[in-house]
């Protein structure tokens, strides 16, 4: 059987806990290209036309780190079993948006 065509995102849950800020730091072995950006989009379902619940922009301070810090007041509004997609946005013309991670939100209270 042939491998699927296209880029397959890494599938893993995004874990949120009531009252806790969401923190994530991604650090690659070789660094990110200058000008990279990223965001986490959160959806009610995995349907193509699903309602976007929220979008969390990353902080990109250097080419060696992409990070998020989302306050609990915001993170607590995202229900269990919603769907997320983490997009890396590469500085090309036009920009290249790549779905890097995807999965469901798990709430661990």
Protein backbone atom coordinates (compact mmCIF):
# COMPACT_ATOMS: atom_id res chain seq x y z
CA UNK A 1 0.00 0.00 0.00
CA UNK A 2 1.35 3.40 -0.96
CA UNK A 3 1.99 6.13 1.56
CA UNK A 4 -0.54 8.99 1.54
CA UNK A 5 0.34 12.07 -0.47
CA UNK A 6 0.63 15.42 1.27
CA UNK A 7 1.93 16.35 4.67
CA UNK A 8 0.46 14.39 7.56
CA UNK A 9 0.18 16.47 10.76
CA UNK A 10 1.33 14.99 14.04
CA UNK A 11 -1.77 13.77 15.86
CA UNK A 12 -1.72 14.33 19.63
CA UNK A 13 -4.15 15.67 22.23
CA UNK A 14 -3.97 19.22 23.57
CA UNK A 15 -4.43 19.05 27.34
CA UNK A 16 -6.17 21.82 29.27
CA UNK A 17 -6.96 21.96 32.99
CA UNK A 18 -9.51 24.18 34.74
CA UNK A 19 -7.92 27.20 36.36
CA UNK A 20 -4.51 26.57 34.77
CA UNK A 21 -2.84 28.69 32.12
CA UNK A 22 -1.93 26.86 28.92
CA UNK A 23 1.80 26.97 28.19
CA UNK A 24 3.61 25.44 25.24
CA UNK A 25 7.17 25.90 23.98
CA UNK A 26 8.38 24.32 20.74
CA UNK A 27 12.14 24.22 20.17
CA UNK A 28 13.50 22.53 17.04
CA UNK A 29 16.88 20.85 16.77
CA UNK A 30 18.01 23.11 13.93
CA UNK A 31 16.05 26.34 14.39
CA UNK A 32 13.11 27.94 12.61
CA UNK A 33 13.39 30.19 9.57
CA UNK A 34 13.50 33.89 10.31
CA UNK A 35 10.01 35.41 10.12
CA UNK A 36 8.10 32.21 10.98
CA UNK A 37 4.80 32.58 12.80
CA UNK A 38 2.37 30.08 14.31
CA UNK A 39 -1.13 29.82 15.71
CA UNK A 40 -3.40 27.27 17.34
CA UNK A 41 -6.92 27.29 15.88
CA UNK A 42 -9.65 25.68 18.00
CA UNK A 43 -12.86 24.36 16.46
CA UNK A 44 -16.14 22.99 17.78
CA UNK A 45 -15.84 19.84 15.60
CA UNK A 46 -13.54 18.37 12.95
CA UNK A 47 -15.97 19.21 10.12
CA UNK A 48 -14.55 21.23 7.24
CA UNK A 49 -16.99 24.06 7.98
CA UNK A 50 -16.69 23.86 11.78
CA UNK A 51 -17.10 26.99 13.86
CA UNK A 52 -13.76 28.40 15.04
CA UNK A 53 -14.00 28.82 18.82
CA UNK A 54 -10.76 30.75 19.20
CA UNK A 55 -7.32 31.28 17.69
CA UNK A 56 -4.18 31.59 19.81
CA UNK A 57 -1.22 33.36 18.23
CA UNK A 58 2.29 32.28 19.15
CA UNK A 59 5.10 34.42 20.46
CA UNK A 60 8.17 34.02 18.28
CA UNK A 61 11.04 35.77 20.09
CA UNK A 62 13.89 33.96 18.31
CA UNK A 63 14.40 31.41 15.54
CA UNK A 64 14.93 28.76 18.22
CA UNK A 65 11.60 29.00 20.06
CA UNK A 66 7.88 29.31 19.38
CA UNK A 67 5.73 29.66 22.48
CA UNK A 68 2.22 30.20 23.77
CA UNK A 69 0.92 31.37 27.12
CA UNK A 70 -2.85 31.50 27.27
CA UNK A 71 -4.48 32.68 30.48
CA UNK A 72 -6.84 30.25 32.21
CA UNK A 73 -9.79 32.62 31.74
CA UNK A 74 -9.42 32.06 27.99
CA UNK A 75 -8.35 28.40 28.03
CA UNK A 76 -11.23 27.47 30.35
CA UNK A 77 -13.75 28.45 27.65
CA UNK A 78 -12.58 25.63 25.35
CA UNK A 79 -14.66 22.47 25.85
CA UNK A 80 -13.38 18.91 25.98
CA UNK A 81 -13.43 17.09 22.65
CA UNK A 82 -13.11 20.28 20.60
CA UNK A 83 -10.59 20.05 17.81
CA UNK A 84 -7.36 22.00 17.45
CA UNK A 85 -4.92 22.56 14.60
CA UNK A 86 -1.51 24.07 15.14
CA UNK A 87 -0.36 25.92 12.04
CA UNK A 88 3.20 26.97 11.24
CA UNK A 89 3.18 29.98 8.94
CA UNK A 90 6.30 30.27 6.83
CA UNK A 91 7.40 33.70 5.48
CA UNK A 92 7.07 33.05 1.77
CA UNK A 93 5.15 34.96 -0.89
CA UNK A 94 2.37 34.07 -0.54
CA UNK A 95 2.78 32.67 2.98
CA UNK A 96 2.81 28.90 3.42
CA UNK A 97 0.51 27.66 6.19
CA UNK A 98 1.33 24.13 7.25
CA UNK A 99 -0.82 22.13 9.69
CA UNK A 100 1.91 20.80 11.98
CA UNK A 101 -0.15 19.27 14.83
CA UNK A 102 -3.80 18.33 15.17
CA UNK A 103 -6.03 16.52 17.62
CA UNK A 104 -8.73 16.83 20.23
CA UNK A 105 -8.77 18.86 23.40
CA UNK A 106 -8.64 16.77 26.54
CA UNK A 107 -9.64 18.36 29.84
CA UNK A 108 -7.82 17.02 32.86
CA UNK A 109 -9.44 18.75 35.82
